[in-house]
Amino acid sequence: GDYQKAAEHLETAIGILVATNSEPLDIAVLRRQLGTVYFAQDRFEEAMQEYRRAHRIYKEKELMETGQGAELLLDMAIASAGLVNDTADGTQSFYFAGIQAMNTRQDPQHR
């Protein structure tokens, strides 16, 4: 697909939702989708930024214990793995990313 156009459309939609004080969960869904588009483009830092923004909304709405919250944590772990290249086969990267995602989930500062 055309990831650049998808990113542009999602960025525009998020801007409109934010400007019109729309439902935060709608914004979180689009931020997660934008993170996924960035990830597909190997834009891992930007993907993580969007996932973190979605994470804050999910935490505020107490959705981290739901299926949506679990899926978001998985997205965050996979994107983190893209940022860490400790081994050729990626094993340590995925391990580190999983630990990092779980620490984010358990960090009292994020509760």
PDB file of N, CA and C in Angstrom:
ATOM      1  N   GLY A   1       0.813  -1.192   0.000  1.00  0.00           N
ATOM      2  CA  GLY A   1       0.000   0.000   0.000  1.00  0.00           C
ATOM      3  C   GLY A   1       0.850   1.247   0.000  1.00  0.00           C
ATOM      4  N   ASP A   2       0.209   2.358  -0.119  1.00  0.00           N
ATOM      5  CA  ASP A   2       0.875   3.654  -0.107  1.00  0.00           C
ATOM      6  C   ASP A   2       0.883   4.178   1.323  1.00  0.00           C
ATOM      7  N   TYR A   3       1.920   3.800   2.058  1.00  0.00           N
ATOM      8  CA  TYR A   3       1.994   4.148   3.473  1.00  0.00           C
ATOM      9  C   TYR A   3       2.112   5.651   3.706  1.00  0.00           C
ATOM     10  N   GLN A   4       2.789   6.337   2.811  1.00  0.00           N
ATOM     11  CA  GLN A   4       2.946   7.781   2.991  1.00  0.00           C
ATOM     12  C   GLN A   4       1.583   8.479   2.945  1.00  0.00           C
ATOM     13  N   LYS A   5       0.755   8.107   1.981  1.00  0.00           N
ATOM     14  CA  LYS A   5      -0.588   8.712   1.895  1.00  0.00           C
ATOM     15  C   LYS A   5      -1.437   8.321   3.099  1.00  0.00           C
ATOM     16  N   ALA A   6      -1.316   7.070   3.530  1.00  0.00           N
ATOM     17  CA  ALA A   6      -2.060   6.629   4.709  1.00  0.00           C
ATOM     18  C   ALA A   6      -1.657   7.459   5.925  1.00  0.00           C
ATOM     19  N   ALA A   7      -0.345   7.679   6.087  1.00  0.00           N
ATOM     20  CA  ALA A   7       0.143   8.476   7.217  1.00  0.00           C
ATOM     21  C   ALA A   7      -0.407   9.899   7.141  1.00  0.00           C
ATOM     22  N   GLU A   8      -0.389  10.481   5.957  1.00  0.00           N
ATOM     23  CA  GLU A   8      -0.892  11.847   5.795  1.00  0.00           C
ATOM     24  C   GLU A   8      -2.370  11.935   6.147  1.00  0.00           C
ATOM     25  N   HIS A   9      -3.166  10.969   5.692  1.00  0.00           N
ATOM     26  CA  HIS A   9      -4.602  10.976   5.989  1.00  0.00           C
ATOM     27  C   HIS A   9      -4.859  10.788   7.486  1.00  0.00           C
ATOM     28  N   LEU A  10      -4.104   9.888   8.105  1.00  0.00           N
ATOM     29  CA  LEU A  10      -4.271   9.674   9.549  1.00  0.00           C
ATOM     30  C   LEU A  10      -3.854  10.915  10.335  1.00  0.00           C
ATOM     31  N   GLU A  11      -2.757  11.546   9.940  1.00  0.00           N
ATOM     32  CA  GLU A  11      -2.311  12.765  10.615  1.00  0.00           C
ATOM     33  C   GLU A  11      -3.371  13.857  10.510  1.00  0.00           C
ATOM     34  N   THR A  12      -3.976  13.999   9.332  1.00  0.00           N
ATOM     35  CA  THR A  12      -5.035  14.990   9.137  1.00  0.00           C
ATOM     36  C   THR A  12      -6.242  14.667  10.001  1.00  0.00           C
ATOM     37  N   ALA A  13      -6.649  13.412  10.000  1.00  0.00           N
ATOM     38  CA  ALA A  13      -7.807  13.003  10.795  1.00  0.00           C
ATOM     39  C   ALA A  13      -7.565  13.233  12.287  1.00  0.00           C
ATOM     40  N   ILE A  14      -6.368  12.899  12.764  1.00  0.00           N
ATOM     41  CA  ILE A  14      -6.044  13.126  14.179  1.00  0.00           C
ATOM     42  C   ILE A  14      -6.110  14.616  14.489  1.00  0.00           C
ATOM     43  N   GLY A  15      -5.563  15.436  13.606  1.00  0.00           N
ATOM     44  CA  GLY A  15      -5.601  16.883  13.806  1.00  0.00           C
ATOM     45  C   GLY A  15      -7.018  17.411  13.919  1.00  0.00           C
ATOM     46  N   ILE A  16      -7.909  16.901  13.074  1.00  0.00           N
ATOM     47  CA  ILE A  16      -9.314  17.329  13.110  1.00  0.00           C
ATOM     48  C   ILE A  16      -9.965  16.889  14.417  1.00  0.00           C
ATOM     49  N   LEU A  17      -9.733  15.629  14.806  1.00  0.00           N
ATOM     50  CA  LEU A  17     -10.334  15.129  16.052  1.00  0.00           C
ATOM     51  C   LEU A  17      -9.840  15.905  17.270  1.00  0.00           C
ATOM     52  N   VAL A  18      -8.548  16.203  17.301  1.00  0.00           N
ATOM     53  CA  VAL A  18      -7.990  16.956  18.424  1.00  0.00           C
ATOM     54  C   VAL A  18      -8.572  18.366  18.439  1.00  0.00           C
ATOM     55  N   ALA A  19      -8.637  19.016  17.279  1.00  0.00           N
ATOM     56  CA  ALA A  19      -9.131  20.392  17.187  1.00  0.00           C
ATOM     57  C   ALA A  19     -10.605  20.506  17.572  1.00  0.00           C
ATOM     58  N   THR A  20     -11.355  19.445  17.365  1.00  0.00           N
ATOM     59  CA  THR A  20     -12.793  19.481  17.667  1.00  0.00           C
ATOM     60  C   THR A  20     -13.124  18.817  19.002  1.00  0.00           C
ATOM     61  N   ASN A  21     -12.086  18.554  19.803  1.00  0.00           N
ATOM     62  CA  ASN A  21     -12.274  17.924  21.120  1.00  0.00           C
ATOM     63  C   ASN A  21     -13.118  16.663  21.036  1.00  0.00           C
ATOM     64  N   SER A  22     -12.793  15.818  20.087  1.00  0.00           N
ATOM     65  CA  SER A  22     -13.528  14.576  19.891  1.00  0.00           C
ATOM     66  C   SER A  22     -13.216  13.565  20.991  1.00  0.00           C
ATOM     67  N   GLU A  23     -13.937  12.463  20.955  1.00  0.00           N
ATOM     68  CA  GLU A  23     -13.769  11.384  21.931  1.00  0.00           C
ATOM     69  C   GLU A  23     -12.313  10.915  21.948  1.00  0.00           C
ATOM     70  N   PRO A  24     -11.674  10.934  23.117  1.00  0.00           N
ATOM     71  CA  PRO A  24     -10.273  10.526  23.212  1.00  0.00           C
ATOM     72  C   PRO A  24      -9.999   9.113  22.674  1.00  0.00           C
ATOM     73  N   LEU A  25     -10.941   8.198  22.872  1.00  0.00           N
ATOM     74  CA  LEU A  25     -10.712   6.837  22.377  1.00  0.00           C
ATOM     75  C   LEU A  25     -10.633   6.789  20.855  1.00  0.00           C
ATOM     76  N   ASP A  26     -11.389   7.638  20.184  1.00  0.00           N
ATOM     77  CA  ASP A  26     -11.291   7.710  18.724  1.00  0.00           C
ATOM     78  C   ASP A  26      -9.901   8.180  18.313  1.00  0.00           C
ATOM     79  N   ILE A  27      -9.388   9.146  19.051  1.00  0.00           N
ATOM     80  CA  ILE A  27      -8.044   9.656  18.783  1.00  0.00           C
ATOM     81  C   ILE A  27      -7.012   8.563  19.042  1.00  0.00           C
ATOM     82  N   ALA A  28      -7.180   7.822  20.132  1.00  0.00           N
ATOM     83  CA  ALA A  28      -6.235   6.749  20.475  1.00  0.00           C
ATOM     84  C   ALA A  28      -6.201   5.685  19.380  1.00  0.00           C
ATOM     85  N   VAL A  29      -7.364   5.324  18.847  1.00  0.00           N
ATOM     86  CA  VAL A  29      -7.415   4.319  17.778  1.00  0.00           C
ATOM     87  C   VAL A  29      -6.638   4.795  16.563  1.00  0.00           C
ATOM     88  N   LEU A  30      -6.822   6.057  16.191  1.00  0.00           N
ATOM     89  CA  LEU A  30      -6.108   6.587  15.029  1.00  0.00           C
ATOM     90  C   LEU A  30      -4.612   6.708  15.302  1.00  0.00           C
ATOM     91  N   ARG A  31      -4.247   7.078  16.518  1.00  0.00           N
ATOM     92  CA  ARG A  31      -2.819   7.163  16.858  1.00  0.00           C
ATOM     93  C   ARG A  31      -2.170   5.785  16.767  1.00  0.00           C
ATOM     94  N   ARG A  32      -2.879   4.765  17.218  1.00  0.00           N
ATOM     95  CA  ARG A  32      -2.342   3.408  17.118  1.00  0.00           C
ATOM     96  C   ARG A  32      -2.192   3.007  15.652  1.00  0.00           C
ATOM     97  N   GLN A  33      -3.182   3.343  14.834  1.00  0.00           N
ATOM     98  CA  GLN A  33      -3.087   3.022  13.409  1.00  0.00           C
ATOM     99  C   GLN A  33      -1.938   3.771  12.753  1.00  0.00           C
ATOM    100  N   LEU A  34      -1.755   5.027  13.131  1.00  0.00           N
ATOM    101  CA  LEU A  34      -0.641   5.804  12.590  1.00  0.00           C
ATOM    102  C   LEU A  34       0.688   5.187  13.012  1.00  0.00           C
ATOM    103  N   GLY A  35       0.765   4.734  14.249  1.00  0.00           N
ATOM    104  CA  GLY A  35       1.968   4.048  14.704  1.00  0.00           C
ATOM    105  C   GLY A  35       2.265   2.819  13.867  1.00  0.00           C
ATOM    106  N   THR A  36       1.228   2.086  13.520  1.00  0.00           N
ATOM    107  CA  THR A  36       1.392   0.890  12.697  1.00  0.00           C
ATOM    108  C   THR A  36       1.879   1.246  11.294  1.00  0.00           C
ATOM    109  N   VAL A  37       1.377   2.334  10.748  1.00  0.00           N
ATOM    110  CA  VAL A  37       1.830   2.794   9.422  1.00  0.00           C
ATOM    111  C   VAL A  37       3.299   3.211   9.500  1.00  0.00           C
ATOM    112  N   TYR A  38       3.645   3.959  10.534  1.00  0.00           N
ATOM    113  CA  TYR A  38       5.049   4.354  10.702  1.00  0.00           C
ATOM    114  C   TYR A  38       5.942   3.124  10.838  1.00  0.00           C
ATOM    115  N   PHE A  39       5.484   2.143  11.606  1.00  0.00           N
ATOM    116  CA  PHE A  39       6.257   0.919  11.784  1.00  0.00           C
ATOM    117  C   PHE A  39       6.498   0.237  10.440  1.00  0.00           C
ATOM    118  N   ALA A  40       5.475   0.175   9.605  1.00  0.00           N
ATOM    119  CA  ALA A  40       5.599  -0.456   8.285  1.00  0.00           C
ATOM    120  C   ALA A  40       6.619   0.269   7.412  1.00  0.00           C
ATOM    121  N   GLN A  41       6.850   1.535   7.714  1.00  0.00           N
ATOM    122  CA  GLN A  41       7.825   2.335   6.971  1.00  0.00           C
ATOM    123  C   GLN A  41       9.200   2.324   7.653  1.00  0.00           C
ATOM    124  N   ASP A  42       9.367   1.489   8.679  1.00  0.00           N
ATOM    125  CA  ASP A  42      10.606   1.443   9.460  1.00  0.00           C
ATOM    126  C   ASP A  42      10.891   2.761  10.171  1.00  0.00           C
ATOM    127  N   ARG A  43       9.844   3.494  10.501  1.00  0.00           N
ATOM    128  CA  ARG A  43       9.957   4.748  11.254  1.00  0.00           C
ATOM    129  C   ARG A  43       9.633   4.419  12.718  1.00  0.00           C
ATOM    130  N   PHE A  44      10.527   3.654  13.345  1.00  0.00           N
ATOM    131  CA  PHE A  44      10.260   3.062  14.643  1.00  0.00           C
ATOM    132  C   PHE A  44      10.088   4.091  15.760  1.00  0.00           C
ATOM    133  N   GLU A  45      10.898   5.130  15.761  1.00  0.00           N
ATOM    134  CA  GLU A  45      10.782   6.140  16.817  1.00  0.00           C
ATOM    135  C   GLU A  45       9.438   6.848  16.737  1.00  0.00           C
ATOM    136  N   GLU A  46       9.019   7.187  15.527  1.00  0.00           N
ATOM    137  CA  GLU A  46       7.719   7.841  15.361  1.00  0.00           C
ATOM    138  C   GLU A  46       6.583   6.884  15.709  1.00  0.00           C
ATOM    139  N   ALA A  47       6.752   5.609  15.374  1.00  0.00           N
ATOM    140  CA  ALA A  47       5.744   4.601  15.738  1.00  0.00           C
ATOM    141  C   ALA A  47       5.597   4.555  17.252  1.00  0.00           C
ATOM    142  N   MET A  48       6.727   4.505  17.956  1.00  0.00           N
ATOM    143  CA  MET A  48       6.675   4.450  19.419  1.00  0.00           C
ATOM    144  C   MET A  48       6.020   5.702  19.997  1.00  0.00           C
ATOM    145  N   GLN A  49       6.294   6.843  19.401  1.00  0.00           N
ATOM    146  CA  GLN A  49       5.694   8.086  19.888  1.00  0.00           C
ATOM    147  C   GLN A  49       4.166   8.002  19.796  1.00  0.00           C
ATOM    148  N   GLU A  50       3.652   7.502  18.683  1.00  0.00           N
ATOM    149  CA  GLU A  50       2.202   7.389  18.530  1.00  0.00           C
ATOM    150  C   GLU A  50       1.623   6.326  19.452  1.00  0.00           C
ATOM    151  N   TYR A  51       2.330   5.210  19.599  1.00  0.00           N
ATOM    152  CA  TYR A  51       1.861   4.173  20.518  1.00  0.00           C
ATOM    153  C   TYR A  51       1.819   4.706  21.956  1.00  0.00           C
ATOM    154  N   ARG A  52       2.821   5.505  22.333  1.00  0.00           N
ATOM    155  CA  ARG A  52       2.830   6.073  23.685  1.00  0.00           C
ATOM    156  C   ARG A  52       1.659   7.031  23.887  1.00  0.00           C
ATOM    157  N   ARG A  53       1.356   7.803  22.868  1.00  0.00           N
ATOM    158  CA  ARG A  53       0.209   8.720  22.960  1.00  0.00           C
ATOM    159  C   ARG A  53      -1.092   7.928  23.133  1.00  0.00           C
ATOM    160  N   ALA A  54      -1.228   6.865  22.360  1.00  0.00           N
ATOM    161  CA  ALA A  54      -2.410   6.007  22.505  1.00  0.00           C
ATOM    162  C   ALA A  54      -2.425   5.369  23.891  1.00  0.00           C
ATOM    163  N   HIS A  55      -1.265   4.955  24.365  1.00  0.00           N
ATOM    164  CA  HIS A  55      -1.143   4.320  25.676  1.00  0.00           C
ATOM    165  C   HIS A  55      -1.647   5.246  26.785  1.00  0.00           C
ATOM    166  N   ARG A  56      -1.269   6.521  26.713  1.00  0.00           N
ATOM    167  CA  ARG A  56      -1.725   7.477  27.739  1.00  0.00           C
ATOM    168  C   ARG A  56      -3.246   7.554  27.775  1.00  0.00           C
ATOM    169  N   ILE A  57      -3.877   7.576  26.619  1.00  0.00           N
ATOM    170  CA  ILE A  57      -5.344   7.641  26.558  1.00  0.00           C
ATOM    171  C   ILE A  57      -5.951   6.353  27.092  1.00  0.00           C
ATOM    172  N   TYR A  58      -5.396   5.214  26.688  1.00  0.00           N
ATOM    173  CA  TYR A  58      -5.904   3.928  27.180  1.00  0.00           C
ATOM    174  C   TYR A  58      -5.800   3.874  28.708  1.00  0.00           C
ATOM    175  N   LYS A  59      -4.676   4.375  29.252  1.00  0.00           N
ATOM    176  CA  LYS A  59      -4.503   4.370  30.710  1.00  0.00           C
ATOM    177  C   LYS A  59      -5.553   5.262  31.376  1.00  0.00           C
ATOM    178  N   GLU A  60      -5.766   6.450  30.827  1.00  0.00           N
ATOM    179  CA  GLU A  60      -6.752   7.368  31.392  1.00  0.00           C
ATOM    180  C   GLU A  60      -8.149   6.754  31.389  1.00  0.00           C
ATOM    181  N   LYS A  61      -8.459   5.991  30.360  1.00  0.00           N
ATOM    182  CA  LYS A  61      -9.785   5.369  30.227  1.00  0.00           C
ATOM    183  C   LYS A  61      -9.838   3.975  30.846  1.00  0.00           C
ATOM    184  N   GLU A  62      -8.733   3.591  31.502  1.00  0.00           N
ATOM    185  CA  GLU A  62      -8.633   2.292  32.186  1.00  0.00           C
ATOM    186  C   GLU A  62      -8.909   1.121  31.241  1.00  0.00           C
ATOM    187  N   LEU A  63      -8.297   1.183  30.071  1.00  0.00           N
ATOM    188  CA  LEU A  63      -8.476   0.133  29.065  1.00  0.00           C
ATOM    189  C   LEU A  63      -7.253  -0.760  28.905  1.00  0.00           C
ATOM    190  N   MET A  64      -6.230  -0.574  29.732  1.00  0.00           N
ATOM    191  CA  MET A  64      -5.019  -1.374  29.547  1.00  0.00           C
ATOM    192  C   MET A  64      -5.228  -2.839  29.886  1.00  0.00           C
ATOM    193  N   GLU A  65      -6.231  -3.157  30.674  1.00  0.00           N
ATOM    194  CA  GLU A  65      -6.484  -4.558  31.025  1.00  0.00           C
ATOM    195  C   GLU A  65      -7.408  -5.249  30.029  1.00  0.00           C
ATOM    196  N   THR A  66      -7.787  -4.567  28.976  1.00  0.00           N
ATOM    197  CA  THR A  66      -8.673  -5.141  27.959  1.00  0.00           C
ATOM    198  C   THR A  66      -7.847  -5.709  26.811  1.00  0.00           C
ATOM    199  N   GLY A  67      -8.521  -6.328  25.874  1.00  0.00           N
ATOM    200  CA  GLY A  67      -7.847  -6.842  24.685  1.00  0.00           C
ATOM    201  C   GLY A  67      -7.167  -5.736  23.898  1.00  0.00           C
ATOM    202  N   GLN A  68      -7.805  -4.565  23.837  1.00  0.00           N
ATOM    203  CA  GLN A  68      -7.200  -3.435  23.123  1.00  0.00           C
ATOM    204  C   GLN A  68      -5.893  -3.015  23.778  1.00  0.00           C
ATOM    205  N   GLY A  69      -5.872  -3.012  25.112  1.00  0.00           N
ATOM    206  CA  GLY A  69      -4.652  -2.653  25.827  1.00  0.00           C
ATOM    207  C   GLY A  69      -3.544  -3.652  25.579  1.00  0.00           C
ATOM    208  N   ALA A  70      -3.891  -4.932  25.577  1.00  0.00           N
ATOM    209  CA  ALA A  70      -2.897  -5.979  25.323  1.00  0.00           C
ATOM    210  C   ALA A  70      -2.335  -5.861  23.914  1.00  0.00           C
ATOM    211  N   GLU A  71      -3.190  -5.590  22.952  1.00  0.00           N
ATOM    212  CA  GLU A  71      -2.727  -5.429  21.571  1.00  0.00           C
ATOM    213  C   GLU A  71      -1.806  -4.224  21.442  1.00  0.00           C
ATOM    214  N   LEU A  72      -2.131  -3.146  22.138  1.00  0.00           N
ATOM    215  CA  LEU A  72      -1.272  -1.961  22.104  1.00  0.00           C
ATOM    216  C   LEU A  72       0.098  -2.277  22.689  1.00  0.00           C
ATOM    217  N   LEU A  73       0.144  -3.018  23.800  1.00  0.00           N
ATOM    218  CA  LEU A  73       1.433  -3.387  24.385  1.00  0.00           C
ATOM    219  C   LEU A  73       2.250  -4.239  23.429  1.00  0.00           C
ATOM    220  N   LEU A  74       1.594  -5.129  22.717  1.00  0.00           N
ATOM    221  CA  LEU A  74       2.298  -5.940  21.726  1.00  0.00           C
ATOM    222  C   LEU A  74       2.858  -5.056  20.617  1.00  0.00           C
ATOM    223  N   ASP A  75       2.058  -4.111  20.136  1.00  0.00           N
ATOM    224  CA  ASP A  75       2.541  -3.163  19.122  1.00  0.00           C
ATOM    225  C   ASP A  75       3.777  -2.424  19.635  1.00  0.00           C
ATOM    226  N   MET A  76       3.715  -1.987  20.891  1.00  0.00           N
ATOM    227  CA  MET A  76       4.836  -1.247  21.467  1.00  0.00           C
ATOM    228  C   MET A  76       6.077  -2.127  21.566  1.00  0.00           C
ATOM    229  N   ALA A  77       5.895  -3.374  21.941  1.00  0.00           N
ATOM    230  CA  ALA A  77       7.033  -4.283  22.061  1.00  0.00           C
ATOM    231  C   ALA A  77       7.684  -4.529  20.710  1.00  0.00           C
ATOM    232  N   ILE A  78       6.875  -4.732  19.706  1.00  0.00           N
ATOM    233  CA  ILE A  78       7.418  -4.994  18.366  1.00  0.00           C
ATOM    234  C   ILE A  78       8.131  -3.760  17.827  1.00  0.00           C
ATOM    235  N   ALA A  79       7.551  -2.584  18.021  1.00  0.00           N
ATOM    236  CA  ALA A  79       8.206  -1.355  17.558  1.00  0.00           C
ATOM    237  C   ALA A  79       9.503  -1.125  18.316  1.00  0.00           C
ATOM    238  N   SER A  80       9.507  -1.431  19.605  1.00  0.00           N
ATOM    239  CA  SER A  80      10.743  -1.295  20.391  1.00  0.00           C
ATOM    240  C   SER A  80      11.829  -2.197  19.836  1.00  0.00           C
ATOM    241  N   ALA A  81      11.430  -3.384  19.408  1.00  0.00           N
ATOM    242  CA  ALA A  81      12.402  -4.317  18.842  1.00  0.00           C
ATOM    243  C   ALA A  81      13.049  -3.734  17.599  1.00  0.00           C
ATOM    244  N   GLY A  82      12.321  -2.941  16.872  1.00  0.00           N
ATOM    245  CA  GLY A  82      12.888  -2.300  15.702  1.00  0.00           C
ATOM    246  C   GLY A  82      13.948  -1.279  16.054  1.00  0.00           C
ATOM    247  N   LEU A  83      13.895  -0.779  17.289  1.00  0.00           N
ATOM    248  CA  LEU A  83      14.865   0.221  17.734  1.00  0.00           C
ATOM    249  C   LEU A  83      16.123  -0.392  18.330  1.00  0.00           C
ATOM    250  N   VAL A  84      16.071  -1.679  18.642  1.00  0.00           N
ATOM    251  CA  VAL A  84      17.177  -2.341  19.330  1.00  0.00           C
ATOM    252  C   VAL A  84      17.728  -3.436  18.436  1.00  0.00           C
ATOM    253  N   ASN A  85      18.991  -3.383  18.163  1.00  0.00           N
ATOM    254  CA  ASN A  85      19.616  -4.382  17.287  1.00  0.00           C
ATOM    255  C   ASN A  85      20.813  -5.011  17.991  1.00  0.00           C
ATOM    256  N   ASP A  86      20.539  -5.726  19.080  1.00  0.00           N
ATOM    257  CA  ASP A  86      21.621  -6.316  19.858  1.00  0.00           C
ATOM    258  C   ASP A  86      22.173  -7.590  19.233  1.00  0.00           C
ATOM    259  N   THR A  87      21.341  -8.331  18.494  1.00  0.00           N
ATOM    260  CA  THR A  87      21.784  -9.593  17.924  1.00  0.00           C
ATOM    261  C   THR A  87      21.358  -9.679  16.473  1.00  0.00           C
ATOM    262  N   ALA A  88      22.036 -10.525  15.733  1.00  0.00           N
ATOM    263  CA  ALA A  88      21.721 -10.672  14.316  1.00  0.00           C
ATOM    264  C   ALA A  88      20.341 -11.273  14.099  1.00  0.00           C
ATOM    265  N   ASP A  89      19.930 -12.212  14.968  1.00  0.00           N
ATOM    266  CA  ASP A  89      18.641 -12.867  14.764  1.00  0.00           C
ATOM    267  C   ASP A  89      17.483 -12.157  15.456  1.00  0.00           C
ATOM    268  N   GLY A  90      17.749 -11.099  16.215  1.00  0.00           N
ATOM    269  CA  GLY A  90      16.700 -10.316  16.844  1.00  0.00           C
ATOM    270  C   GLY A  90      16.167 -10.893  18.141  1.00  0.00           C
ATOM    271  N   THR A  91      16.664 -12.047  18.579  1.00  0.00           N
ATOM    272  CA  THR A  91      16.137 -12.699  19.777  1.00  0.00           C
ATOM    273  C   THR A  91      16.226 -11.788  20.992  1.00  0.00           C
ATOM    274  N   GLN A  92      17.399 -11.247  21.240  1.00  0.00           N
ATOM    275  CA  GLN A  92      17.573 -10.380  22.395  1.00  0.00           C
ATOM    276  C   GLN A  92      16.737  -9.112  22.234  1.00  0.00           C
ATOM    277  N   SER A  93      16.614  -8.623  21.017  1.00  0.00           N
ATOM    278  CA  SER A  93      15.824  -7.425  20.782  1.00  0.00           C
ATOM    279  C   SER A  93      14.381  -7.638  21.203  1.00  0.00           C
ATOM    280  N   PHE A  94      13.778  -8.771  20.788  1.00  0.00           N
ATOM    281  CA  PHE A  94      12.390  -9.025  21.145  1.00  0.00           C
ATOM    282  C   PHE A  94      12.253  -9.258  22.644  1.00  0.00           C
ATOM    283  N   TYR A  95      13.231  -9.902  23.255  1.00  0.00           N
ATOM    284  CA  TYR A  95      13.196 -10.109  24.704  1.00  0.00           C
ATOM    285  C   TYR A  95      13.230  -8.754  25.409  1.00  0.00           C
ATOM    286  N   PHE A  96      14.166  -7.906  25.007  1.00  0.00           N
ATOM    287  CA  PHE A  96      14.290  -6.578  25.612  1.00  0.00           C
ATOM    288  C   PHE A  96      13.007  -5.786  25.409  1.00  0.00           C
ATOM    289  N   ALA A  97      12.443  -5.845  24.212  1.00  0.00           N
ATOM    290  CA  ALA A  97      11.230  -5.090  23.905  1.00  0.00           C
ATOM    291  C   ALA A  97      10.063  -5.553  24.765  1.00  0.00           C
ATOM    292  N   GLY A  98       9.961  -6.858  24.970  1.00  0.00           N
ATOM    293  CA  GLY A  98       8.891  -7.390  25.818  1.00  0.00           C
ATOM    294  C   GLY A  98       9.034  -6.916  27.247  1.00  0.00           C
ATOM    295  N   ILE A  99      10.257  -6.921  27.762  1.00  0.00           N
ATOM    296  CA  ILE A  99      10.513  -6.442  29.125  1.00  0.00           C
ATOM    297  C   ILE A  99      10.193  -4.954  29.213  1.00  0.00           C
ATOM    298  N   GLN A 100      10.590  -4.193  28.216  1.00  0.00           N
ATOM    299  CA  GLN A 100      10.332  -2.755  28.212  1.00  0.00           C
ATOM    300  C   GLN A 100       8.826  -2.480  28.202  1.00  0.00           C
ATOM    301  N   ALA A 101       8.080  -3.208  27.400  1.00  0.00           N
ATOM    302  CA  ALA A 101       6.635  -3.016  27.337  1.00  0.00           C
ATOM    303  C   ALA A 101       5.986  -3.372  28.663  1.00  0.00           C
ATOM    304  N   MET A 102       6.430  -4.443  29.286  1.00  0.00           N
ATOM    305  CA  MET A 102       5.865  -4.835  30.565  1.00  0.00           C
ATOM    306  C   MET A 102       6.210  -3.811  31.649  1.00  0.00           C
ATOM    307  N   ASN A 103       7.421  -3.256  31.607  1.00  0.00           N
ATOM    308  CA  ASN A 103       7.788  -2.225  32.578  1.00  0.00           C
ATOM    309  C   ASN A 103       6.916  -0.991  32.402  1.00  0.00           C
ATOM    310  N   THR A 104       6.606  -0.643  31.164  1.00  0.00           N
ATOM    311  CA  THR A 104       5.718   0.486  30.902  1.00  0.00           C
ATOM    312  C   THR A 104       4.356   0.216  31.520  1.00  0.00           C
ATOM    313  N   ARG A 105       3.902  -1.010  31.389  1.00  0.00           N
ATOM    314  CA  ARG A 105       2.582  -1.386  31.913  1.00  0.00           C
ATOM    315  C   ARG A 105       2.564  -1.356  33.442  1.00  0.00           C
ATOM    316  N   GLN A 106       3.666  -1.734  34.079  1.00  0.00           N
ATOM    317  CA  GLN A 106       3.700  -1.850  35.524  1.00  0.00           C
ATOM    318  C   GLN A 106       4.245  -0.604  36.217  1.00  0.00           C
ATOM    319  N   ASP A 107       4.752   0.334  35.472  1.00  0.00           N
ATOM    320  CA  ASP A 107       5.347   1.529  36.051  1.00  0.00           C
ATOM    321  C   ASP A 107       4.262   2.321  36.795  1.00  0.00           C
ATOM    322  N   PRO A 108       4.419   2.522  38.118  1.00  0.00           N
ATOM    323  CA  PRO A 108       3.404   3.244  38.881  1.00  0.00           C
ATOM    324  C   PRO A 108       3.190   4.665  38.389  1.00  0.00           C
ATOM    325  N   GLN A 109       4.192   5.236  37.754  1.00  0.00           N
ATOM    326  CA  GLN A 109       4.068   6.584  37.222  1.00  0.00           C
ATOM    327  C   GLN A 109       3.024   6.649  36.113  1.00  0.00           C
ATOM    328  N   HIS A 110       2.789   5.520  35.427  1.00  0.00           N
ATOM    329  CA  HIS A 110       1.851   5.479  34.321  1.00  0.00           C
ATOM    330  C   HIS A 110       0.449   5.060  34.769  1.00  0.00           C
ATOM    331  N   ARG A 111       0.239   4.846  36.034  1.00  0.00           N
ATOM    332  CA  ARG A 111      -1.077   4.393  36.519  1.00  0.00           C
ATOM    333  C   ARG A 111      -1.956   5.544  36.892  1.00  0.00           C
TER     334      ARG A 111
END
